[in-house]
Amino acid sequence: MVGSFYVKDGVMKIGWSVSSDFSPHLAVIRSFSYGFNFPTEYPHFADGNMRYHFMFMFLAGNLEFLGLRIDWAFNLPAILSIVSFLTLLYSFAVLLLGEKIIGVITGVLFFFRSSFAFFTFIAGKPTIKEALSGIKGMTEHIGNTQHEEWGLYAQKVYVNQRHLPFVLGIMMLALIIVLPLFIKMMTSISELYQKRVQESQVSQDSQEPDESQEIVTDKDEGIDKDEKKESFWKSYIKEFILDKSAWIPNSIFTSVVMGVLLGLTGFWNGAVVIAALAVLFVMAIFSKHRLDYLIIALITVGLAYCQTQFFVRSGGSVVSPSIYVGFLANTNGLQQDLSRFFAVNGFGATLQHLFKLIPYVAGFISNFLEFCRLL
């Protein structure tokens, strides 16, 4: 980060790969440090609105106004943000999987791209010497993925978008706070399943012939199994949906604080806030106290809306979502999409995702058939 933007002999030095983003970023910073740009307007446009998440630049502008040189005012918060994000990422991995080494590996792999870009690059060189010299003199992103020059698949995005790791850290904090709700539900479901397995084993052991026992017909045995299955599914549905703890929060204080914190980051990086809400929505389905998630979402959306109304004074919208199939890569059917996924994510990640899907699909089919039998 320091190498791509610094001041030397009173002259700003900006790396070529970040120059496109830094031209508006630096203008916004200087609009705060050298001017009174509040309520905020975007310097490049004359409509009097601010349609970009500018709060990180507002922080940098205030630091420069207080006497910190502009390169340090911009670089230092970004460096501290990415260090904080990595720390929270490590903590989340350890809390989720229970192993410190997994947290360390997660932090290390964060700095590497999970694709075949390096291998496809060196495969195109006839000798190792040419491959090494090509890497040494590289001035652009390696890899043959479409739109590689955008830098979306590399860590360059954290250098261009210096406000990104700050809000990613807030997102990780939100996930850490709600993670116990997810673990609580998964633990309850797991205990129900383990209880069913133990009862099944006990039932099999009790089926061994004994002269002192009365003869049990196949019909009675089938009725007993159906009753146990029905009892399990009733317990499962009660735990997952009907139980009070599945919905009602123990305390709304944590969810209110998290909603306020996440909502106030709407103009730090709105895209991350939207992504955080999407992740929290999926987690809410498999968590206890689901109304906690609803409170977080309502407060977040409400605060983001209020900020939008204040900064976008013409009544427009900061985000205008639309579906654009093939924006990052042309899609010509499932076969090409899967092959592109393989090229971008690598062989190991592709197999990992496929093997992860198998037990879920098999379990869903098995459970669906059992549910149909109960009906």
Protein backbone atom coordinates (compact mmCIF):
# COMPACT_ATOMS: atom_id res chain seq x y z
CA MET A 1 0.00 0.00 0.00
CA VAL A 2 2.80 2.40 0.84
CA GLY A 3 4.61 1.64 -2.42
CA SER A 4 1.58 2.51 -4.55
CA PHE A 5 1.01 5.92 -2.97
CA TYR A 6 3.58 8.13 -1.25
CA VAL A 7 4.91 11.68 -1.21
CA LYS A 8 8.53 12.38 -2.13
CA ASP A 9 10.07 15.85 -2.30
CA GLY A 10 6.61 17.36 -2.12
CA VAL A 11 5.35 15.37 -5.13
CA MET A 12 2.64 12.70 -4.93
CA LYS A 13 3.74 9.37 -6.39
CA ILE A 14 0.82 7.19 -7.47
CA GLY A 15 1.14 3.67 -8.89
CA TRP A 16 -0.18 3.11 -12.38
CA SER A 17 -2.50 0.28 -11.27
CA VAL A 18 -4.30 2.51 -8.73
CA SER A 19 -4.33 5.80 -10.63
CA SER A 20 -7.86 5.33 -11.98
CA ASP A 21 -9.37 4.95 -8.50
CA PHE A 22 -7.13 7.45 -6.76
CA SER A 23 -8.06 10.39 -9.00
CA PRO A 24 -11.55 10.68 -7.44
CA HIS A 25 -10.42 9.42 -4.00
CA LEU A 26 -7.76 12.08 -3.56
CA ALA A 27 -10.11 14.76 -4.84
CA VAL A 28 -12.67 13.79 -2.18
CA ILE A 29 -9.97 13.76 0.53
CA ARG A 30 -8.76 17.23 -0.41
CA SER A 31 -12.35 18.49 -0.53
CA PHE A 32 -12.45 17.85 3.21
CA SER A 33 -8.92 18.81 4.22
CA TYR A 34 -8.75 21.99 2.06
CA GLY A 35 -12.45 22.80 1.84
CA PHE A 36 -15.68 22.60 3.78
CA ASN A 37 -17.41 19.85 1.80
CA PHE A 38 -20.29 19.05 4.11
CA PRO A 39 -23.08 18.18 3.35
CA THR A 40 -20.88 16.29 0.96
CA GLU A 41 -20.83 16.78 -2.79
CA TYR A 42 -18.85 14.74 -5.30
CA PRO A 43 -16.11 17.02 -6.69
CA HIS A 44 -16.26 15.52 -10.19
CA PHE A 45 -19.96 16.27 -10.73
CA ALA A 46 -22.04 19.40 -10.35
CA ASP A 47 -25.41 17.93 -9.32
CA GLY A 48 -24.72 18.54 -5.60
CA ASN A 49 -25.01 14.89 -4.57
CA MET A 50 -22.69 12.21 -3.20
CA ARG A 51 -23.36 8.84 -4.81
CA TYR A 52 -20.23 7.12 -3.53
CA HIS A 53 -19.27 5.68 -0.13
CA PHE A 54 -16.97 8.47 0.98
CA MET A 55 -16.62 8.13 4.76
CA PHE A 56 -13.15 6.59 4.61
CA MET A 57 -12.00 9.54 2.52
CA PHE A 58 -13.71 11.81 5.06
CA LEU A 59 -11.56 10.19 7.77
CA ALA A 60 -8.38 10.64 5.69
CA GLY A 61 -9.31 14.27 4.95
CA ASN A 62 -9.74 15.00 8.64
CA LEU A 63 -6.39 13.39 9.45
CA GLU A 64 -4.69 15.56 6.82
CA PHE A 65 -6.52 18.63 8.15
CA LEU A 66 -5.14 17.81 11.62
CA GLY A 67 -1.58 17.76 10.26
CA LEU A 68 -0.89 14.24 9.00
CA ARG A 69 0.62 14.14 5.50
CA ILE A 70 -1.87 12.95 2.89
CA ASP A 71 -0.07 9.68 2.06
CA TRP A 72 -0.02 8.63 5.72
CA ALA A 73 -3.55 9.94 6.24
CA PHE A 74 -4.71 7.59 3.48
CA ASN A 75 -2.31 4.65 3.95
CA LEU A 76 -2.25 4.31 7.73
CA PRO A 77 -6.01 3.75 8.28
CA ALA A 78 -6.00 1.28 5.36
CA ILE A 79 -3.08 -0.69 6.84
CA LEU A 80 -4.68 -0.77 10.29
CA SER A 81 -7.97 -1.83 8.70
CA ILE A 82 -6.51 -4.79 6.85
CA VAL A 83 -4.58 -5.92 9.95
CA SER A 84 -7.80 -5.73 11.97
CA PHE A 85 -9.69 -7.64 9.27
CA LEU A 86 -7.08 -10.42 9.26
CA THR A 87 -7.25 -10.65 13.06
CA LEU A 88 -11.04 -10.97 12.97
CA LEU A 89 -10.84 -13.47 10.09
CA TYR A 90 -8.45 -15.59 12.18
CA SER A 91 -10.81 -15.35 15.17
CA PHE A 92 -13.83 -16.35 13.09
CA ALA A 93 -12.04 -19.40 11.67
CA VAL A 94 -10.93 -20.52 15.13
CA LEU A 95 -14.39 -20.01 16.65
CA LEU A 96 -16.07 -21.87 13.81
CA LEU A 97 -13.69 -24.83 13.48
CA GLY A 98 -11.94 -24.87 16.84
CA GLU A 99 -8.34 -25.12 15.60
CA LYS A 100 -5.80 -22.30 15.79
CA ILE A 101 -3.78 -23.74 12.91
CA ILE A 102 -6.86 -23.39 10.67
CA GLY A 103 -7.02 -19.70 11.56
CA VAL A 104 -3.34 -19.28 10.69
CA ILE A 105 -3.77 -21.08 7.35
CA THR A 106 -6.83 -18.94 6.58
CA GLY A 107 -4.85 -15.76 7.18
CA VAL A 108 -1.94 -16.96 5.04
CA LEU A 109 -4.15 -18.07 2.14
CA PHE A 110 -5.87 -14.67 2.17
CA PHE A 111 -2.78 -13.23 0.46
CA PHE A 112 -2.87 -15.76 -2.38
CA ARG A 113 -5.19 -16.16 -5.29
CA SER A 114 -7.09 -19.47 -5.34
CA SER A 115 -6.76 -20.28 -9.02
CA PHE A 116 -4.42 -21.73 -11.66
CA ALA A 117 -3.22 -18.26 -12.74
CA PHE A 118 0.41 -18.91 -11.75
CA PHE A 119 0.51 -22.36 -13.37
CA THR A 120 -1.18 -21.28 -16.60
CA PHE A 121 1.32 -18.42 -16.82
CA ILE A 122 4.43 -20.56 -16.46
CA ALA A 123 2.92 -23.25 -18.73
CA GLY A 124 3.01 -20.74 -21.57
CA LYS A 125 6.78 -20.28 -21.20
CA PRO A 126 9.11 -22.70 -22.96
CA THR A 127 11.76 -22.73 -20.21
CA ILE A 128 11.94 -22.15 -16.46
CA LYS A 129 14.41 -19.30 -17.03
CA GLU A 130 11.94 -17.44 -19.25
CA ALA A 131 9.14 -18.07 -16.74
CA LEU A 132 11.17 -16.59 -13.88
CA SER A 133 12.28 -13.59 -15.94
CA GLY A 134 8.66 -13.07 -17.03
CA ILE A 135 7.49 -13.05 -13.41
CA LYS A 136 10.25 -10.63 -12.44
CA GLY A 137 9.35 -8.20 -15.22
CA MET A 138 5.58 -8.58 -14.88
CA THR A 139 3.68 -5.28 -15.18
CA GLU A 140 0.11 -6.62 -15.30
CA HIS A 141 -2.02 -9.36 -13.77
CA ILE A 142 -1.15 -12.91 -14.69
CA GLY A 143 -3.80 -15.41 -15.73
CA ASN A 144 -6.08 -15.85 -18.72
CA THR A 145 -9.39 -15.17 -16.98
CA GLN A 146 -11.66 -12.77 -18.84
CA HIS A 147 -11.35 -9.15 -17.72
CA GLU A 148 -8.18 -9.97 -15.85
CA GLU A 149 -7.09 -6.36 -16.24
CA TRP A 150 -9.88 -5.29 -13.87
CA GLY A 151 -7.98 -6.80 -10.95
CA LEU A 152 -11.11 -8.30 -9.37
CA TYR A 153 -9.49 -11.69 -8.87
CA ALA A 154 -6.33 -10.44 -7.17
CA GLN A 155 -5.46 -8.70 -3.89
CA LYS A 156 -4.98 -5.51 -5.88
CA VAL A 157 -8.58 -4.65 -5.03
CA TYR A 158 -7.51 -3.90 -1.45
CA VAL A 159 -4.91 -1.46 -2.76
CA ASN A 160 -7.38 0.32 -5.06
CA GLN A 161 -10.34 0.25 -2.69
CA ARG A 162 -8.66 1.21 0.57
CA HIS A 163 -12.00 1.57 2.30
CA LEU A 164 -12.88 -2.08 1.59
CA PRO A 165 -10.97 -3.87 4.41
CA PHE A 166 -12.38 -1.47 7.02
CA VAL A 167 -15.97 -2.54 6.35
CA LEU A 168 -14.94 -6.18 5.82
CA GLY A 169 -13.68 -6.04 9.40
CA ILE A 170 -17.10 -4.77 10.54
CA MET A 171 -18.71 -7.59 8.56
CA MET A 172 -16.45 -10.18 10.24
CA LEU A 173 -17.33 -8.68 13.63
CA ALA A 174 -21.03 -9.08 12.83
CA LEU A 175 -20.50 -12.72 11.81
CA ILE A 176 -18.55 -13.43 15.02
CA ILE A 177 -21.33 -11.91 17.13
CA VAL A 178 -24.11 -14.00 15.53
CA LEU A 179 -22.00 -17.17 15.18
CA PRO A 180 -23.09 -18.52 18.63
CA LEU A 181 -26.71 -18.44 17.44
CA PHE A 182 -25.76 -20.57 14.43
CA ILE A 183 -23.70 -22.98 16.54
CA LYS A 184 -26.50 -23.29 19.09
CA MET A 185 -28.99 -24.45 16.44
CA MET A 186 -26.52 -26.82 14.79
CA THR A 187 -25.64 -28.31 18.19
CA SER A 188 -29.31 -28.90 19.01
CA ILE A 189 -29.98 -30.58 15.66
CA SER A 190 -26.82 -32.67 16.02
CA GLU A 191 -27.88 -33.84 19.48
CA LEU A 192 -31.26 -34.91 18.10
CA TYR A 193 -29.57 -36.84 15.32
CA GLN A 194 -27.11 -38.50 17.70
CA LYS A 195 -29.99 -39.49 19.95
CA ARG A 196 -31.76 -41.08 16.98
CA VAL A 197 -28.63 -43.01 16.01
CA GLN A 198 -28.18 -44.29 19.57
CA GLU A 199 -31.83 -45.37 19.78
CA SER A 200 -31.45 -47.15 16.46
CA GLN A 201 -28.40 -49.04 17.72
CA VAL A 202 -30.16 -49.99 20.95
CA SER A 203 -33.15 -51.18 18.92
CA GLN A 204 -30.93 -53.38 16.75
CA ASP A 205 -29.23 -54.87 19.80
CA SER A 206 -32.59 -55.66 21.40
CA GLN A 207 -33.69 -57.59 18.29
CA GLU A 208 -31.37 -60.52 19.10
CA PRO A 209 -33.43 -63.68 19.80
CA ASP A 210 -34.13 -64.55 23.43
CA GLU A 211 -36.21 -67.55 24.54
CA SER A 212 -37.63 -65.61 27.49
CA GLN A 213 -38.99 -62.84 25.24
CA GLU A 214 -42.28 -62.94 23.43
CA ILE A 215 -42.24 -63.27 19.67
CA VAL A 216 -42.53 -59.85 17.95
CA THR A 217 -44.10 -59.86 14.51
CA ASP A 218 -42.69 -57.94 11.55
CA LYS A 219 -45.81 -55.78 11.60
CA ASP A 220 -45.26 -54.71 15.22
CA GLU A 221 -41.58 -54.05 14.51
CA GLY A 222 -42.45 -51.86 11.51
CA ILE A 223 -44.98 -49.88 13.56
CA ASP A 224 -42.35 -49.30 16.24
CA LYS A 225 -39.82 -47.99 13.67
CA ASP A 226 -42.39 -45.66 12.11
CA GLU A 227 -43.27 -44.28 15.53
CA LYS A 228 -39.60 -43.57 16.26
CA LYS A 229 -39.14 -41.85 12.90
CA GLU A 230 -42.25 -39.78 13.45
CA SER A 231 -41.07 -38.86 16.93
CA PHE A 232 -37.69 -37.75 15.55
CA TRP A 233 -39.20 -35.55 12.86
CA LYS A 234 -41.62 -33.99 15.33
CA SER A 235 -38.69 -33.15 17.60
CA TYR A 236 -36.71 -31.85 14.63
CA ILE A 237 -39.53 -29.58 13.42
CA LYS A 238 -40.18 -28.36 16.95
CA GLU A 239 -36.51 -27.52 17.51
CA PHE A 240 -36.05 -25.88 14.12
CA ILE A 241 -39.32 -23.98 13.75
CA LEU A 242 -41.85 -24.28 16.58
CA ASP A 243 -39.66 -23.84 19.63
CA LYS A 244 -39.67 -20.40 21.23
CA SER A 245 -35.86 -20.24 21.24
CA ALA A 246 -35.83 -20.59 17.44
CA TRP A 247 -37.27 -17.09 17.10
CA ILE A 248 -37.36 -15.02 20.29
CA PRO A 249 -34.10 -13.24 21.26
CA ASN A 250 -32.68 -13.58 24.75
CA SER A 251 -31.78 -9.89 24.62
CA ILE A 252 -32.13 -7.32 21.86
CA PHE A 253 -29.23 -5.18 23.08
CA THR A 254 -26.55 -6.98 21.05
CA SER A 255 -28.63 -7.03 17.88
CA VAL A 256 -29.50 -3.34 18.20
CA VAL A 257 -25.84 -2.37 18.67
CA MET A 258 -24.79 -4.57 15.74
CA GLY A 259 -27.55 -3.13 13.55
CA VAL A 260 -26.48 0.43 14.35
CA LEU A 261 -22.81 -0.37 13.70
CA LEU A 262 -23.55 -2.12 10.40
CA GLY A 263 -26.05 0.53 9.32
CA LEU A 264 -23.60 3.38 9.91
CA THR A 265 -21.11 1.75 7.53
CA GLY A 266 -23.42 2.22 4.55
CA PHE A 267 -21.31 5.10 3.23
CA TRP A 268 -18.02 3.44 4.17
CA ASN A 269 -18.67 0.65 1.67
CA GLY A 270 -22.27 -0.06 0.73
CA ALA A 271 -21.44 -3.18 -1.29
CA VAL A 272 -20.02 -4.93 1.79
CA VAL A 273 -23.11 -4.00 3.81
CA ILE A 274 -25.33 -5.60 1.16
CA ALA A 275 -23.11 -8.70 1.13
CA ALA A 276 -23.20 -8.85 4.94
CA LEU A 277 -27.01 -8.77 4.94
CA ALA A 278 -27.07 -11.60 2.37
CA VAL A 279 -24.75 -13.76 4.49
CA LEU A 280 -26.71 -12.99 7.66
CA PHE A 281 -29.94 -13.97 5.88
CA VAL A 282 -28.56 -17.43 5.09
CA MET A 283 -27.18 -17.83 8.63
CA ALA A 284 -30.55 -16.80 10.09
CA ILE A 285 -32.24 -19.80 8.46
CA PHE A 286 -29.99 -22.19 10.38
CA SER A 287 -29.74 -20.25 13.67
CA LYS A 288 -31.55 -19.85 16.95
CA HIS A 289 -33.20 -16.53 17.90
CA ARG A 290 -33.89 -15.54 14.30
CA LEU A 291 -35.54 -12.27 15.29
CA ASP A 292 -32.07 -11.05 16.29
CA TYR A 293 -31.17 -11.15 12.60
CA LEU A 294 -34.38 -9.34 11.69
CA ILE A 295 -33.61 -6.54 14.15
CA ILE A 296 -30.08 -6.19 12.72
CA ALA A 297 -31.41 -6.08 9.16
CA LEU A 298 -34.18 -3.54 9.89
CA ILE A 299 -31.87 -1.15 11.73
CA THR A 300 -29.18 -1.50 9.05
CA VAL A 301 -31.57 -0.83 6.18
CA GLY A 302 -33.23 2.03 8.06
CA LEU A 303 -29.96 3.81 8.81
CA ALA A 304 -28.67 3.25 5.28
CA TYR A 305 -31.88 4.72 3.88
CA CYS A 306 -31.64 7.79 6.13
CA GLN A 307 -28.05 8.40 5.05
CA THR A 308 -29.02 8.01 1.41
CA GLN A 309 -31.79 10.56 1.78
CA PHE A 310 -29.36 13.01 3.41
CA PHE A 311 -26.42 12.69 1.02
CA VAL A 312 -28.34 12.01 -2.21
CA ARG A 313 -30.53 15.05 -1.93
CA SER A 314 -32.09 14.81 -5.40
CA GLY A 315 -34.05 11.74 -4.33
CA GLY A 316 -32.04 9.32 -6.45
CA SER A 317 -30.55 6.04 -5.39
CA VAL A 318 -26.95 5.12 -4.65
CA VAL A 319 -27.50 1.54 -5.81
CA SER A 320 -29.56 0.52 -8.84
CA PRO A 321 -29.23 -3.28 -8.96
CA SER A 322 -29.92 -5.20 -12.15
CA ILE A 323 -29.27 -8.75 -13.34
CA TYR A 324 -26.54 -8.94 -15.96
CA VAL A 325 -25.71 -12.55 -16.80
CA GLY A 326 -22.19 -12.75 -18.17
CA PHE A 327 -20.89 -9.49 -16.64
CA LEU A 328 -17.61 -11.05 -15.50
CA ALA A 329 -17.51 -13.95 -17.93
CA ASN A 330 -19.49 -14.92 -20.99
CA THR A 331 -21.89 -17.77 -20.29
CA ASN A 332 -22.61 -20.31 -23.01
CA GLY A 333 -24.09 -23.13 -20.97
CA LEU A 334 -23.35 -25.12 -17.84
CA GLN A 335 -20.30 -26.90 -19.30
CA GLN A 336 -18.44 -23.65 -19.99
CA ASP A 337 -19.48 -22.19 -16.64
CA LEU A 338 -18.14 -25.23 -14.77
CA SER A 339 -14.90 -25.20 -16.76
CA ARG A 340 -14.44 -21.50 -15.97
CA PHE A 341 -15.12 -22.19 -12.29
CA PHE A 342 -12.44 -24.88 -12.48
CA ALA A 343 -9.96 -22.49 -14.12
CA VAL A 344 -10.57 -19.69 -11.62
CA ASN A 345 -10.74 -21.69 -8.37
CA GLY A 346 -8.38 -24.55 -9.07
CA PHE A 347 -8.66 -28.34 -8.99
CA GLY A 348 -8.65 -28.70 -5.20
CA ALA A 349 -11.38 -26.11 -4.59
CA THR A 350 -13.55 -27.60 -7.35
CA LEU A 351 -13.34 -31.11 -5.89
CA GLN A 352 -13.91 -29.72 -2.42
CA HIS A 353 -17.14 -27.99 -3.48
CA LEU A 354 -18.38 -31.07 -5.35
CA PHE A 355 -17.68 -33.44 -2.44
CA LYS A 356 -19.36 -31.02 -0.03
CA LEU A 357 -22.51 -31.07 -2.15
CA ILE A 358 -22.80 -34.88 -2.28
CA PRO A 359 -23.79 -35.57 1.36
CA TYR A 360 -26.21 -32.63 1.39
CA VAL A 361 -27.95 -33.79 -1.79
CA ALA A 362 -28.03 -37.41 -0.59
CA GLY A 363 -29.28 -36.37 2.83
CA PHE A 364 -31.97 -34.14 1.32
CA ILE A 365 -33.23 -36.94 -0.93
CA SER A 366 -33.21 -39.44 1.94
CA ASN A 367 -35.00 -37.08 4.31
CA PHE A 368 -37.52 -36.13 1.64
CA LEU A 369 -38.36 -39.79 0.99
CA GLU A 370 -38.73 -40.46 4.71
CA PHE A 371 -40.97 -37.43 5.08
CA CYS A 372 -43.14 -38.65 2.19
CA ARG A 373 -43.47 -42.04 3.90
CA LEU A 374 -44.64 -40.35 7.09
CA LEU A 375 -47.33 -38.55 5.13
